[in-house]
Amino acid sequence: MRTSLPGAPLPLVLAVAIAAASLYCFDAAAADAVADSCNAIRGFVNVSFCVSRLGAVPGAAAADRHGHLLMAADLAAASGASAGDAAARMERAESDPAVRDALHACGFLYGVSSVPALRIMRRYAAARSWDAAHAVFMLAVQAGTDCDAALGSSAGRTMAAANHEFDQLATMATALLNTFSAR
């Protein structure tokens, strides 16, 4: 039997080479799945932000668009919960009654509206019940923008970064949802 490496039969060397090449191609294709999902919603979100955030989720490289939708909803819900907690902490420490009320409104918007709506939307999307998922998406995206409005220009800086992060993630989730709802 002819060998290409000392002691290794040629068919074994070819099999190992083919397996290595297919793993490389699969990894490249899997990484492209995240970019493909983000490119599908490029009119609504920053593609680099989308790829960065989704790509950091374990399993995202191997997921399809449906999986990316569920991951984006989880990211948005976690971001909203964190923003709501931050608003509650700031509210307790705030001495200005008007700012305290605005921070209370922010906590309410995240805790009673957007985060629960995202979780409901995710459950419906997981079951591929697109119409039901779409029915709650407006509640899912309202907290960040409405919190900014409640806080106004100067006080709004306290929550601006958290609100912006939430807005981007919630928009990412709802835009991915819309790629299914239109079908």
N, C-alpha and C. Protein backbone atom coordinates (compact mmCIF):
# COMPACT_ATOMS: atom_id res chain seq x y z
N MET A 1 0.84 -1.17 0.00
CA MET A 1 0.00 0.00 0.00
C MET A 1 0.89 1.24 0.00
N ARG A 2 0.53 2.20 -0.84
CA ARG A 2 1.29 3.43 -0.96
C ARG A 2 0.92 4.37 0.21
N THR A 3 1.89 5.07 0.76
CA THR A 3 1.63 6.01 1.85
C THR A 3 2.22 7.37 1.52
N SER A 4 1.61 8.41 2.09
CA SER A 4 2.14 9.74 1.87
C SER A 4 2.92 10.22 3.09
N LEU A 5 2.59 9.71 4.25
CA LEU A 5 3.36 9.98 5.46
C LEU A 5 3.93 8.65 5.90
N PRO A 6 5.09 8.68 6.50
CA PRO A 6 5.67 7.40 6.92
C PRO A 6 4.70 6.63 7.81
N GLY A 7 4.29 5.49 7.37
CA GLY A 7 3.42 4.59 8.13
C GLY A 7 1.94 4.90 8.02
N ALA A 8 1.52 5.97 7.37
CA ALA A 8 0.10 6.30 7.26
C ALA A 8 -0.39 6.00 5.86
N PRO A 9 -1.43 5.18 5.74
CA PRO A 9 -1.95 4.87 4.41
C PRO A 9 -2.59 6.11 3.78
N LEU A 10 -2.47 6.21 2.47
CA LEU A 10 -2.98 7.36 1.73
C LEU A 10 -4.47 7.61 1.98
N PRO A 11 -5.35 6.59 2.01
CA PRO A 11 -6.77 6.86 2.28
C PRO A 11 -7.00 7.51 3.65
N LEU A 12 -6.23 7.14 4.66
CA LEU A 12 -6.38 7.73 5.99
C LEU A 12 -5.98 9.20 5.96
N VAL A 13 -4.89 9.50 5.29
CA VAL A 13 -4.43 10.89 5.17
C VAL A 13 -5.48 11.73 4.45
N LEU A 14 -6.06 11.18 3.38
CA LEU A 14 -7.11 11.90 2.64
C LEU A 14 -8.34 12.11 3.50
N ALA A 15 -8.74 11.11 4.26
CA ALA A 15 -9.92 11.22 5.12
C ALA A 15 -9.71 12.31 6.18
N VAL A 16 -8.54 12.36 6.77
CA VAL A 16 -8.25 13.38 7.78
C VAL A 16 -8.25 14.77 7.13
N ALA A 17 -7.68 14.89 5.95
CA ALA A 17 -7.65 16.18 5.26
C ALA A 17 -9.06 16.64 4.89
N ILE A 18 -9.89 15.74 4.41
CA ILE A 18 -11.27 16.08 4.04
C ILE A 18 -12.06 16.48 5.29
N ALA A 19 -11.88 15.76 6.38
CA ALA A 19 -12.59 16.10 7.62
C ALA A 19 -12.17 17.47 8.12
N ALA A 20 -10.89 17.77 8.08
CA ALA A 20 -10.41 19.08 8.53
C ALA A 20 -10.96 20.19 7.64
N ALA A 21 -10.98 19.98 6.34
CA ALA A 21 -11.49 20.99 5.42
C ALA A 21 -12.98 21.21 5.63
N SER A 22 -13.73 20.14 5.87
CA SER A 22 -15.17 20.30 6.06
C SER A 22 -15.47 21.01 7.37
N LEU A 23 -14.68 20.79 8.41
CA LEU A 23 -14.86 21.52 9.66
C LEU A 23 -14.60 23.01 9.45
N TYR A 24 -13.57 23.34 8.69
CA TYR A 24 -13.26 24.73 8.40
C TYR A 24 -14.41 25.37 7.63
N CYS A 25 -14.92 24.70 6.64
CA CYS A 25 -16.01 25.25 5.84
C CYS A 25 -17.28 25.38 6.67
N PHE A 26 -17.56 24.41 7.53
CA PHE A 26 -18.74 24.49 8.38
C PHE A 26 -18.64 25.67 9.33
N ASP A 27 -17.46 25.87 9.95
CA ASP A 27 -17.28 26.99 10.86
C ASP A 27 -17.48 28.32 10.13
N ALA A 28 -16.97 28.44 8.92
CA ALA A 28 -17.13 29.67 8.16
C ALA A 28 -18.60 29.89 7.82
N ALA A 29 -19.28 28.83 7.41
CA ALA A 29 -20.70 28.94 7.07
C ALA A 29 -21.53 29.27 8.31
N ALA A 30 -21.17 28.66 9.45
CA ALA A 30 -21.90 28.92 10.68
C ALA A 30 -21.72 30.37 11.12
N ALA A 31 -20.50 30.89 11.03
CA ALA A 31 -20.26 32.28 11.40
C ALA A 31 -21.03 33.20 10.46
N ASP A 32 -21.17 32.80 9.21
CA ASP A 32 -21.93 33.59 8.26
C ASP A 32 -23.41 33.63 8.60
N ALA A 33 -23.91 32.65 9.33
CA ALA A 33 -25.33 32.63 9.70
C ALA A 33 -25.68 33.84 10.55
N VAL A 34 -24.81 34.21 11.47
CA VAL A 34 -25.04 35.39 12.31
C VAL A 34 -25.05 36.63 11.42
N ALA A 35 -24.06 36.75 10.56
CA ALA A 35 -23.99 37.91 9.65
C ALA A 35 -25.21 37.95 8.73
N ASP A 36 -25.65 36.80 8.25
CA ASP A 36 -26.84 36.75 7.39
C ASP A 36 -28.09 37.26 8.12
N SER A 37 -28.26 36.82 9.37
CA SER A 37 -29.42 37.28 10.15
C SER A 37 -29.34 38.79 10.37
N CYS A 38 -28.16 39.27 10.69
CA CYS A 38 -28.00 40.71 10.95
C CYS A 38 -28.16 41.52 9.67
N ASN A 39 -27.67 41.00 8.56
CA ASN A 39 -27.85 41.70 7.29
C ASN A 39 -29.31 41.75 6.87
N ALA A 40 -30.09 40.76 7.27
CA ALA A 40 -31.52 40.73 6.93
C ALA A 40 -32.29 41.87 7.59
N ILE A 41 -31.73 42.43 8.67
CA ILE A 41 -32.42 43.51 9.40
C ILE A 41 -31.59 44.80 9.38
N ARG A 42 -30.70 44.91 8.44
CA ARG A 42 -29.77 46.05 8.39
C ARG A 42 -30.47 47.40 8.28
N GLY A 43 -31.67 47.45 7.82
CA GLY A 43 -32.40 48.71 7.74
C GLY A 43 -32.89 49.20 9.11
N PHE A 44 -32.77 48.34 10.12
CA PHE A 44 -33.29 48.69 11.45
C PHE A 44 -32.23 48.74 12.53
N VAL A 45 -31.14 47.98 12.34
CA VAL A 45 -30.09 47.91 13.36
C VAL A 45 -28.71 48.07 12.73
N ASN A 46 -27.77 48.45 13.56
CA ASN A 46 -26.38 48.51 13.15
C ASN A 46 -25.87 47.08 13.02
N VAL A 47 -25.43 46.70 11.84
CA VAL A 47 -25.02 45.32 11.58
C VAL A 47 -23.84 44.91 12.46
N SER A 48 -22.88 45.81 12.65
CA SER A 48 -21.73 45.47 13.50
C SER A 48 -22.16 45.20 14.93
N PHE A 49 -23.06 46.02 15.46
CA PHE A 49 -23.59 45.80 16.81
C PHE A 49 -24.29 44.45 16.88
N CYS A 50 -25.13 44.18 15.89
CA CYS A 50 -25.89 42.93 15.84
C CYS A 50 -24.95 41.72 15.81
N VAL A 51 -23.98 41.74 14.92
CA VAL A 51 -23.04 40.62 14.80
C VAL A 51 -22.25 40.45 16.09
N SER A 52 -21.83 41.56 16.67
CA SER A 52 -21.05 41.49 17.91
C SER A 52 -21.87 40.89 19.05
N ARG A 53 -23.09 41.37 19.23
CA ARG A 53 -23.91 40.89 20.35
C ARG A 53 -24.41 39.47 20.12
N LEU A 54 -24.93 39.18 18.94
CA LEU A 54 -25.40 37.82 18.67
C LEU A 54 -24.25 36.83 18.62
N GLY A 55 -23.14 37.25 18.01
CA GLY A 55 -21.99 36.36 17.89
C GLY A 55 -21.39 35.96 19.22
N ALA A 56 -21.64 36.76 20.26
CA ALA A 56 -21.11 36.46 21.59
C ALA A 56 -21.97 35.45 22.36
N VAL A 57 -23.14 35.15 21.84
CA VAL A 57 -24.04 34.20 22.51
C VAL A 57 -23.59 32.78 22.18
N PRO A 58 -23.39 31.94 23.20
CA PRO A 58 -23.02 30.56 22.91
C PRO A 58 -24.06 29.89 22.01
N GLY A 59 -23.59 29.24 20.97
CA GLY A 59 -24.46 28.53 20.04
C GLY A 59 -24.95 29.37 18.87
N ALA A 60 -24.66 30.67 18.88
CA ALA A 60 -25.17 31.54 17.81
C ALA A 60 -24.60 31.18 16.45
N ALA A 61 -23.36 30.78 16.41
CA ALA A 61 -22.74 30.46 15.12
C ALA A 61 -23.43 29.29 14.44
N ALA A 62 -24.00 28.39 15.21
CA ALA A 62 -24.65 27.21 14.64
C ALA A 62 -26.16 27.38 14.51
N ALA A 63 -26.69 28.51 14.98
CA ALA A 63 -28.14 28.70 14.97
C ALA A 63 -28.63 29.27 13.64
N ASP A 64 -29.91 29.08 13.39
CA ASP A 64 -30.55 29.68 12.21
C ASP A 64 -31.20 31.01 12.64
N ARG A 65 -31.89 31.65 11.75
CA ARG A 65 -32.49 32.96 12.05
C ARG A 65 -33.50 32.85 13.18
N HIS A 66 -34.26 31.78 13.23
CA HIS A 66 -35.21 31.59 14.33
C HIS A 66 -34.47 31.55 15.66
N GLY A 67 -33.38 30.82 15.70
CA GLY A 67 -32.55 30.78 16.92
C GLY A 67 -32.01 32.15 17.27
N HIS A 68 -31.60 32.91 16.26
CA HIS A 68 -31.08 34.26 16.51
C HIS A 68 -32.17 35.18 17.05
N LEU A 69 -33.39 35.02 16.57
CA LEU A 69 -34.51 35.79 17.11
C LEU A 69 -34.68 35.50 18.60
N LEU A 70 -34.66 34.24 18.98
CA LEU A 70 -34.83 33.87 20.38
C LEU A 70 -33.68 34.40 21.22
N MET A 71 -32.46 34.33 20.69
CA MET A 71 -31.30 34.86 21.40
C MET A 71 -31.39 36.37 21.56
N ALA A 72 -31.82 37.06 20.52
CA ALA A 72 -31.95 38.52 20.59
C ALA A 72 -33.02 38.92 21.61
N ALA A 73 -34.10 38.17 21.67
CA ALA A 73 -35.14 38.45 22.66
C ALA A 73 -34.61 38.25 24.07
N ASP A 74 -33.81 37.20 24.27
CA ASP A 74 -33.18 36.97 25.58
C ASP A 74 -32.23 38.10 25.95
N LEU A 75 -31.42 38.53 24.98
CA LEU A 75 -30.48 39.64 25.22
C LEU A 75 -31.24 40.91 25.59
N ALA A 76 -32.30 41.20 24.86
CA ALA A 76 -33.09 42.41 25.12
C ALA A 76 -33.76 42.35 26.48
N ALA A 77 -34.32 41.20 26.83
CA ALA A 77 -34.98 41.05 28.13
C ALA A 77 -33.97 41.22 29.27
N ALA A 78 -32.79 40.65 29.12
CA ALA A 78 -31.75 40.80 30.15
C ALA A 78 -31.31 42.25 30.26
N SER A 79 -31.15 42.92 29.13
CA SER A 79 -30.77 44.33 29.14
C SER A 79 -31.86 45.18 29.79
N GLY A 80 -33.11 44.90 29.46
CA GLY A 80 -34.23 45.63 30.05
C GLY A 80 -34.34 45.41 31.55
N ALA A 81 -34.14 44.18 31.99
CA ALA A 81 -34.19 43.89 33.43
C ALA A 81 -33.07 44.64 34.15
N SER A 82 -31.90 44.66 33.55
CA SER A 82 -30.78 45.39 34.14
C SER A 82 -31.06 46.89 34.20
N ALA A 83 -31.62 47.45 33.13
CA ALA A 83 -31.96 48.87 33.11
C ALA A 83 -33.04 49.18 34.15
N GLY A 84 -34.02 48.31 34.28
CA GLY A 84 -35.07 48.51 35.29
C GLY A 84 -34.50 48.49 36.69
N ASP A 85 -33.57 47.56 36.94
CA ASP A 85 -32.91 47.50 38.25
C ASP A 85 -32.09 48.77 38.51
N ALA A 86 -31.41 49.26 37.48
CA ALA A 86 -30.62 50.48 37.62
C ALA A 86 -31.53 51.67 37.94
N ALA A 87 -32.67 51.75 37.27
CA ALA A 87 -33.62 52.83 37.54
C ALA A 87 -34.11 52.78 38.98
N ALA A 88 -34.39 51.59 39.48
CA ALA A 88 -34.86 51.44 40.86
C ALA A 88 -33.77 51.86 41.86
N ARG A 89 -32.53 51.48 41.60
CA ARG A 89 -31.41 51.89 42.48
C ARG A 89 -31.26 53.41 42.48
N MET A 90 -31.31 54.01 41.29
CA MET A 90 -31.16 55.46 41.19
C MET A 90 -32.34 56.17 41.84
N GLU A 91 -33.52 55.61 41.70
CA GLU A 91 -34.71 56.22 42.31
C GLU A 91 -34.55 56.30 43.83
N ARG A 92 -34.08 55.22 44.44
CA ARG A 92 -33.90 55.19 45.90
C ARG A 92 -32.88 56.23 46.36
N ALA A 93 -31.89 56.51 45.53
CA ALA A 93 -30.83 57.44 45.92
C ALA A 93 -31.12 58.89 45.51
N GLU A 94 -32.15 59.13 44.74
CA GLU A 94 -32.44 60.47 44.18
C GLU A 94 -33.16 61.34 45.20
N SER A 95 -32.72 62.60 45.32
CA SER A 95 -33.36 63.53 46.25
C SER A 95 -34.40 64.43 45.55
N ASP A 96 -34.25 64.68 44.27
CA ASP A 96 -35.18 65.52 43.52
C ASP A 96 -36.46 64.71 43.23
N PRO A 97 -37.60 65.17 43.75
CA PRO A 97 -38.85 64.41 43.56
C PRO A 97 -39.24 64.20 42.10
N ALA A 98 -38.98 65.18 41.24
CA ALA A 98 -39.34 65.04 39.82
C ALA A 98 -38.49 63.97 39.15
N VAL A 99 -37.22 63.96 39.43
CA VAL A 99 -36.33 62.94 38.86
C VAL A 99 -36.66 61.58 39.46
N ARG A 100 -36.95 61.56 40.75
CA ARG A 100 -37.33 60.29 41.39
C ARG A 100 -38.58 59.71 40.73
N ASP A 101 -39.56 60.56 40.45
CA ASP A 101 -40.79 60.09 39.78
C ASP A 101 -40.48 59.57 38.37
N ALA A 102 -39.61 60.29 37.67
CA ALA A 102 -39.23 59.86 36.31
C ALA A 102 -38.50 58.51 36.36
N LEU A 103 -37.62 58.35 37.32
CA LEU A 103 -36.91 57.06 37.46
C LEU A 103 -37.89 55.95 37.84
N HIS A 104 -38.87 56.28 38.65
CA HIS A 104 -39.91 55.29 38.99
C HIS A 104 -40.66 54.88 37.72
N ALA A 105 -40.97 55.86 36.88
CA ALA A 105 -41.64 55.56 35.60
C ALA A 105 -40.77 54.66 34.74
N CYS A 106 -39.46 54.92 34.72
CA CYS A 106 -38.54 54.06 33.94
C CYS A 106 -38.58 52.62 34.45
N GLY A 107 -38.48 52.48 35.76
CA GLY A 107 -38.54 51.14 36.33
C GLY A 107 -39.84 50.44 35.99
N PHE A 108 -40.93 51.18 36.04
CA PHE A 108 -42.24 50.64 35.69
C PHE A 108 -42.28 50.21 34.22
N LEU A 109 -41.81 51.08 33.34
CA LEU A 109 -41.81 50.76 31.90
C LEU A 109 -41.03 49.48 31.60
N TYR A 110 -39.87 49.34 32.22
CA TYR A 110 -39.08 48.14 31.99
C TYR A 110 -39.71 46.92 32.68
N GLY A 111 -40.10 47.08 33.95
CA GLY A 111 -40.53 45.94 34.74
C GLY A 111 -41.93 45.43 34.46
N VAL A 112 -42.83 46.32 34.05
CA VAL A 112 -44.22 45.93 33.87
C VAL A 112 -44.61 45.87 32.39
N SER A 113 -43.82 46.49 31.55
CA SER A 113 -44.19 46.56 30.14
C SER A 113 -43.21 45.81 29.24
N SER A 114 -42.05 46.39 29.02
CA SER A 114 -41.16 45.88 27.97
C SER A 114 -40.56 44.51 28.27
N VAL A 115 -40.04 44.30 29.47
CA VAL A 115 -39.40 43.01 29.75
C VAL A 115 -40.42 41.87 29.73
N PRO A 116 -41.57 41.99 30.40
CA PRO A 116 -42.56 40.92 30.28
C PRO A 116 -43.04 40.72 28.84
N ALA A 117 -43.21 41.81 28.10
CA ALA A 117 -43.65 41.68 26.70
C ALA A 117 -42.60 40.95 25.86
N LEU A 118 -41.33 41.24 26.09
CA LEU A 118 -40.28 40.51 25.37
C LEU A 118 -40.31 39.02 25.70
N ARG A 119 -40.53 38.70 26.94
CA ARG A 119 -40.57 37.28 27.35
C ARG A 119 -41.78 36.58 26.73
N ILE A 120 -42.91 37.27 26.68
CA ILE A 120 -44.10 36.70 26.04
C ILE A 120 -43.86 36.55 24.54
N MET A 121 -43.30 37.59 23.92
CA MET A 121 -42.99 37.55 22.49
C MET A 121 -42.07 36.37 22.19
N ARG A 122 -41.07 36.17 23.05
CA ARG A 122 -40.12 35.07 22.85
C ARG A 122 -40.83 33.72 22.92
N ARG A 123 -41.72 33.56 23.89
CA ARG A 123 -42.44 32.28 24.01
C ARG A 123 -43.26 32.00 22.76
N TYR A 124 -43.96 33.01 22.27
CA TYR A 124 -44.74 32.83 21.05
C TYR A 124 -43.83 32.54 19.85
N ALA A 125 -42.72 33.26 19.77
CA ALA A 125 -41.79 33.05 18.66
C ALA A 125 -41.18 31.66 18.73
N ALA A 126 -40.88 31.19 19.92
CA ALA A 126 -40.32 29.84 20.07
C ALA A 126 -41.30 28.80 19.53
N ALA A 127 -42.59 29.05 19.72
CA ALA A 127 -43.62 28.15 19.22
C ALA A 127 -43.99 28.45 17.77
N ARG A 128 -43.32 29.43 17.18
CA ARG A 128 -43.58 29.87 15.80
C ARG A 128 -45.02 30.36 15.61
N SER A 129 -45.53 30.97 16.66
CA SER A 129 -46.85 31.59 16.61
C SER A 129 -46.63 33.08 16.31
N TRP A 130 -46.38 33.36 15.04
CA TRP A 130 -45.90 34.68 14.61
C TRP A 130 -46.91 35.79 14.88
N ASP A 131 -48.18 35.56 14.61
CA ASP A 131 -49.16 36.62 14.82
C ASP A 131 -49.26 36.99 16.30
N ALA A 132 -49.25 36.00 17.17
CA ALA A 132 -49.32 36.28 18.61
C ALA A 132 -48.05 37.01 19.07
N ALA A 133 -46.90 36.59 18.58
CA ALA A 133 -45.64 37.27 18.94
C ALA A 133 -45.66 38.71 18.47
N HIS A 134 -46.14 38.92 17.27
CA HIS A 134 -46.17 40.27 16.70
C HIS A 134 -47.14 41.17 17.47
N ALA A 135 -48.18 40.60 18.05
CA ALA A 135 -49.18 41.38 18.76
C ALA A 135 -48.61 42.11 19.98
N VAL A 136 -47.55 41.61 20.57
CA VAL A 136 -46.99 42.25 21.77
C VAL A 136 -45.70 43.03 21.50
N PHE A 137 -45.25 43.07 20.25
CA PHE A 137 -43.95 43.67 20.02
C PHE A 137 -43.89 45.17 20.29
N MET A 138 -44.99 45.89 20.16
CA MET A 138 -44.96 47.33 20.44
C MET A 138 -44.68 47.60 21.92
N LEU A 139 -45.21 46.77 22.80
CA LEU A 139 -44.89 46.91 24.22
C LEU A 139 -43.43 46.58 24.49
N ALA A 140 -42.90 45.66 23.72
CA ALA A 140 -41.53 45.21 23.93
C ALA A 140 -40.51 46.30 23.71
N VAL A 141 -40.79 47.24 22.84
CA VAL A 141 -39.77 48.23 22.48
C VAL A 141 -39.97 49.59 23.15
N GLN A 142 -40.98 49.78 23.96
CA GLN A 142 -41.30 51.12 24.41
C GLN A 142 -40.44 51.65 25.55
N ALA A 143 -39.89 50.84 26.41
CA ALA A 143 -39.26 51.33 27.65
C ALA A 143 -38.10 52.29 27.43
N GLY A 144 -37.17 51.97 26.56
CA GLY A 144 -35.99 52.82 26.40
C GLY A 144 -36.32 54.23 25.98
N THR A 145 -37.07 54.38 24.93
CA THR A 145 -37.43 55.70 24.41
C THR A 145 -38.32 56.45 25.39
N ASP A 146 -39.29 55.77 25.98
CA ASP A 146 -40.20 56.42 26.91
C ASP A 146 -39.50 56.80 28.21
N CYS A 147 -38.52 56.01 28.63
CA CYS A 147 -37.73 56.35 29.82
C CYS A 147 -36.93 57.62 29.55
N ASP A 148 -36.31 57.69 28.39
CA ASP A 148 -35.58 58.92 28.02
C ASP A 148 -36.52 60.12 28.06
N ALA A 149 -37.72 59.97 27.53
CA ALA A 149 -38.68 61.08 27.51
C ALA A 149 -39.10 61.46 28.93
N ALA A 150 -39.31 60.48 29.78
CA ALA A 150 -39.72 60.77 31.16
C ALA A 150 -38.64 61.52 31.92
N LEU A 151 -37.40 61.18 31.66
CA LEU A 151 -36.29 61.81 32.38
C LEU A 151 -35.95 63.19 31.82
N GLY A 152 -36.29 63.46 30.60
CA GLY A 152 -35.97 64.76 30.02
C GLY A 152 -34.50 64.87 29.65
N SER A 153 -34.10 66.04 29.23
CA SER A 153 -32.76 66.21 28.66
C SER A 153 -31.63 66.09 29.67
N SER A 154 -31.65 66.81 30.78
CA SER A 154 -30.50 66.77 31.67
C SER A 154 -30.49 65.52 32.54
N ALA A 155 -31.63 65.16 33.11
CA ALA A 155 -31.69 63.98 33.97
C ALA A 155 -31.61 62.70 33.15
N GLY A 156 -31.96 62.78 31.86
CA GLY A 156 -31.97 61.60 31.01
C GLY A 156 -30.60 60.97 30.82
N ARG A 157 -29.56 61.74 31.05
CA ARG A 157 -28.22 61.18 30.88
C ARG A 157 -27.95 60.05 31.86
N THR A 158 -28.67 60.01 32.98
CA THR A 158 -28.44 58.96 33.97
C THR A 158 -28.79 57.58 33.44
N MET A 159 -29.72 57.51 32.54
CA MET A 159 -30.17 56.23 32.00
C MET A 159 -29.90 56.11 30.50
N ALA A 160 -29.27 57.09 29.91
CA ALA A 160 -29.13 57.14 28.45
C ALA A 160 -28.45 55.91 27.88
N ALA A 161 -27.34 55.48 28.47
CA ALA A 161 -26.61 54.33 27.93
C ALA A 161 -27.44 53.05 28.03
N ALA A 162 -28.07 52.84 29.18
CA ALA A 162 -28.89 51.64 29.37
C ALA A 162 -30.10 51.66 28.44
N ASN A 163 -30.71 52.83 28.28
CA ASN A 163 -31.86 52.94 27.38
C ASN A 163 -31.46 52.67 25.93
N HIS A 164 -30.32 53.20 25.53
CA HIS A 164 -29.85 53.01 24.16
C HIS A 164 -29.53 51.53 23.89
N GLU A 165 -28.84 50.90 24.83
CA GLU A 165 -28.52 49.47 24.69
C GLU A 165 -29.80 48.65 24.55
N PHE A 166 -30.77 48.93 25.42
CA PHE A 166 -32.04 48.22 25.36
C PHE A 166 -32.74 48.47 24.02
N ASP A 167 -32.79 49.72 23.61
CA ASP A 167 -33.44 50.05 22.33
C ASP A 167 -32.85 49.25 21.18
N GLN A 168 -31.53 49.18 21.12
CA GLN A 168 -30.87 48.45 20.04
C GLN A 168 -31.21 46.96 20.08
N LEU A 169 -31.16 46.37 21.27
CA LEU A 169 -31.44 44.94 21.39
C LEU A 169 -32.91 44.62 21.15
N ALA A 170 -33.80 45.45 21.68
CA ALA A 170 -35.24 45.21 21.45
C ALA A 170 -35.58 45.39 19.98
N THR A 171 -34.98 46.37 19.33
CA THR A 171 -35.20 46.57 17.91
C THR A 171 -34.66 45.39 17.11
N MET A 172 -33.52 44.88 17.54
CA MET A 172 -32.94 43.70 16.87
C MET A 172 -33.91 42.52 16.97
N ALA A 173 -34.45 42.29 18.15
CA ALA A 173 -35.37 41.16 18.35
C ALA A 173 -36.64 41.34 17.53
N THR A 174 -37.22 42.54 17.58
CA THR A 174 -38.47 42.74 16.85
C THR A 174 -38.26 42.76 15.34
N ALA A 175 -37.11 43.25 14.89
CA ALA A 175 -36.82 43.23 13.45
C ALA A 175 -36.65 41.79 12.98
N LEU A 176 -35.99 40.97 13.77
CA LEU A 176 -35.86 39.54 13.40
C LEU A 176 -37.24 38.88 13.41
N LEU A 177 -38.07 39.24 14.37
CA LEU A 177 -39.44 38.72 14.40
C LEU A 177 -40.17 39.07 13.10
N ASN A 178 -40.00 40.29 12.66
CA ASN A 178 -40.69 40.74 11.45
C ASN A 178 -40.24 39.98 10.19
N THR A 179 -39.05 39.40 10.22
CA THR A 179 -38.63 38.60 9.05
C THR A 179 -39.47 37.34 8.96
N PHE A 180 -40.05 36.91 10.05
CA PHE A 180 -40.93 35.72 10.05
C PHE A 180 -42.39 36.12 9.87
N SER A 181 -42.77 37.23 10.46
CA SER A 181 -44.16 37.67 10.39
C SER A 181 -44.59 38.00 8.98
N ALA A 182 -43.64 38.40 8.16
CA ALA A 182 -43.96 38.78 6.79
C ALA A 182 -44.17 37.57 5.90
N ARG A 183 -43.87 36.40 6.38
CA ARG A 183 -43.96 35.19 5.56
C ARG A 183 -45.37 34.72 5.41
